[in-house]
Amino acid sequence: MAHSHTKKKSVVWDWLTTVDHKKIAILYLVAGGFFFLVGGLEAILMRIQLMGPTQEFVDGATFNQLLTMHGTTMIFLAAMPLIFAFMNAVVPLQIGARDVAFPFINSLGFWLFFFGGLLLNLSWFFGGAPDAGWTAYAPLSSSDLYSGSGVDYYILGLQIAGIGTLAGGINFLVTIINMRAPGMTYMRMPLFTWTVFVASALILFAFPALTVGLALLMFDRLFDTNFFNVAAGGNITIWEHLFWIFGHPEVYILILPAFGILSEVIPVFARKRLFGYTSMVFAVALIGFLGFMVWVHHMFTVGLGPIANAIFSIATMAIAIPTGIKIFNWLFTLWGGQIRFDTANLWALGFLPTFVLGGVTGVMLSVPSADYQYHDSYFVVAHFHYVIVGGVVFGLFAGLFYWWPKMFGTLLHEGLGKWQFWLFFIGFHLTFFPQHWLGLMGMPRRVFTYLPDQGLDEGNLISTIGALFMGVATIILLVNIFITARSKVRAGNDPWDARTLEWAISSPPPEYNFAQTPLVRGYDPLWVEKMDGRTELTPAEPLGDIHMPNGSIIPFIMSVGLFIAGFGFIGSNLPAILIGMGTTLVAMFFRSVIDDHGYHIHKEDLEKDLKEGK
């Protein structure tokens, strides 16, 4: 058993073997950020192709691949891991825990996501990327007649990454249920933790549907089964049900944590307690519940009949009620507050009107008779991006500027941050607002070109200019990160005068988070201590030795094994399948038989850290 937390490791080995939730958060942030850039580049290439009529920048086949990979990358490999980055960085700190419930599983979840995403993107270099759309509707995706080998990468890549996401969701459910500090009752949990709790429950129930669907699709493509082969008695509608039983809750898995970020940022920068906390909690839970009841609104035009359409239409409209509660509560929190317009809050304020626009068009789409007109048009593209970019991405940027000092100990440059915000905000609306009209004028989605003089030229040109604005804004963010990393100016423990537990400890936090588990004495526990004139948290235990888990290379090896096996399945290469699966199984065996007791950080080391202000 090791006894010292000062044992030195090489940098590479440290990052490959870490089970520390704070380092895993940074791994998610870097990998998700990389895939965000890849997905953004794919979007800009598509917009250049559509900048004018009859363009020949890319051909139709390449456009289909860009379209499929943009959607798949942004949803599965960028938005999800960036959400997981903040879940890892913040939730254990907000509930007063020293780590997540299962640190080993947490590491495994990251590496499975990473190698799944890598496998999917390598399809560009091995026969072409998937080209059946990010929804991979059968029979486009289920038969070699309509799609190339890229769909095999889609299936195996998402299957591997999805296992990691499912494991992560279960981990956070257990963490929030079991590892809250004394006094942190459910109704004292910060809103971000609440939204992560509900989103994790959605992951638990939604991702198995995708897993089953991908497995059936894999059997059809690799083993010639007939689940989606209509000529042999299969049913392509089954895929649509399975995909959307996962796909619609997935929207809430992404947007609920973004709601949580806003609920942390707005009270801090308005210097007021969050208005209507209890109603916000019930609104989050209700949105999560209703999120499972509405998947058929993506399938109104399939022909399920008027009764089914009516039921799912009403359920969809009902989601507007708890969502409206949240919007009004944020506005009432701002009302009368001493509002500061730091970059984090600009993103939060930009979120509100943008997301409301996306919500309004969502209610329009919930009416089946109207949906028949909007379906598969650019109107749907505009609505979806107002929700996912205007909601999720704006929320992620708010969280990035808000929690960056806690994660890295430095402040992002405010001036560059505001330039990035305004360029991105203006670029976003230039890109997607005209697409409502393009859709209403009849421009179908997923087309790679269009004829001149159909009234579509100006809207598409403006849309492309807006996309370039967003690209420039993203470059400014990269410059900001580079400058901040070089400046080394320390941010302090609590640069925003915040209200929750994570701001009571050093930035970045020590590996054990809290030298003494805090006693939570109310909602906004740090603010409660500040109002009592205290500068530190009330401890719930005397200072003593802290038990910590050892790092492990096994999650990395298990994920590499599945990555190799994925290649083997795609190429029907038996040796690769055996090597990959064998590697994973051997790693699982050693994980089972090695009795790892972890190590302790001793009281004397903690006292030394406290004297040094850590």
Foldseek 3Di string as FASTA:
>chain_A
DDAAPPDDDDPVVCLLFDLQLLSLLVVLQVFLVVLLVVLLVLVLQLLVLALFFPRVSDDLQVNLQSQQSSVQSCQQGHLLSLLSSCCSNPQCLQQLAQHWPDSVLLSLLSLLLNLLVVLLVCCCVPWGAWRCHNLCFPPCLQDCVRIPLNSLSVLLSCLSNLVSLLSSLVRLLCRVVPGGFAQCDVLQGQQLSLLSNLLSVLSNPQSVLVNVLSVVSLCCRQVVDPCPPVVVPHNRVSSLVSSLLNVQLSLSSQQSSLLRLLQFLLCLQLVHHQAPSVLLSVLSNLLSVLSNVQSCLLVLVVPPDDVSLVRNLVSQLVNVVSVVVSLVRSVVSNVPGNGDPFLLVLLSVQLNVLQVVLSVVSNQSSRSVSVVLLPQALLVVLSVCSSCCSRRVSSSLSVCQVCVCQSAQWHQDRVLSVLLSVLLSVLSCQQRVLSNVRSNLPHGPSDSRDHPPSPCNVSSSSNSVSSVSNVVSVVSVVVRVVVRVVVPDGCFLANSVGQGSSSLAGRHHPSSRDQARAHQDGRSRCVVCVVVVHSHGHGPDDGFKDFDADTRSLSNQLSVLSSQLSVCSSVVNVVSVCSSVVSNVVSVVCVVPDDGRGYIHGSVNVVVVVVVRD
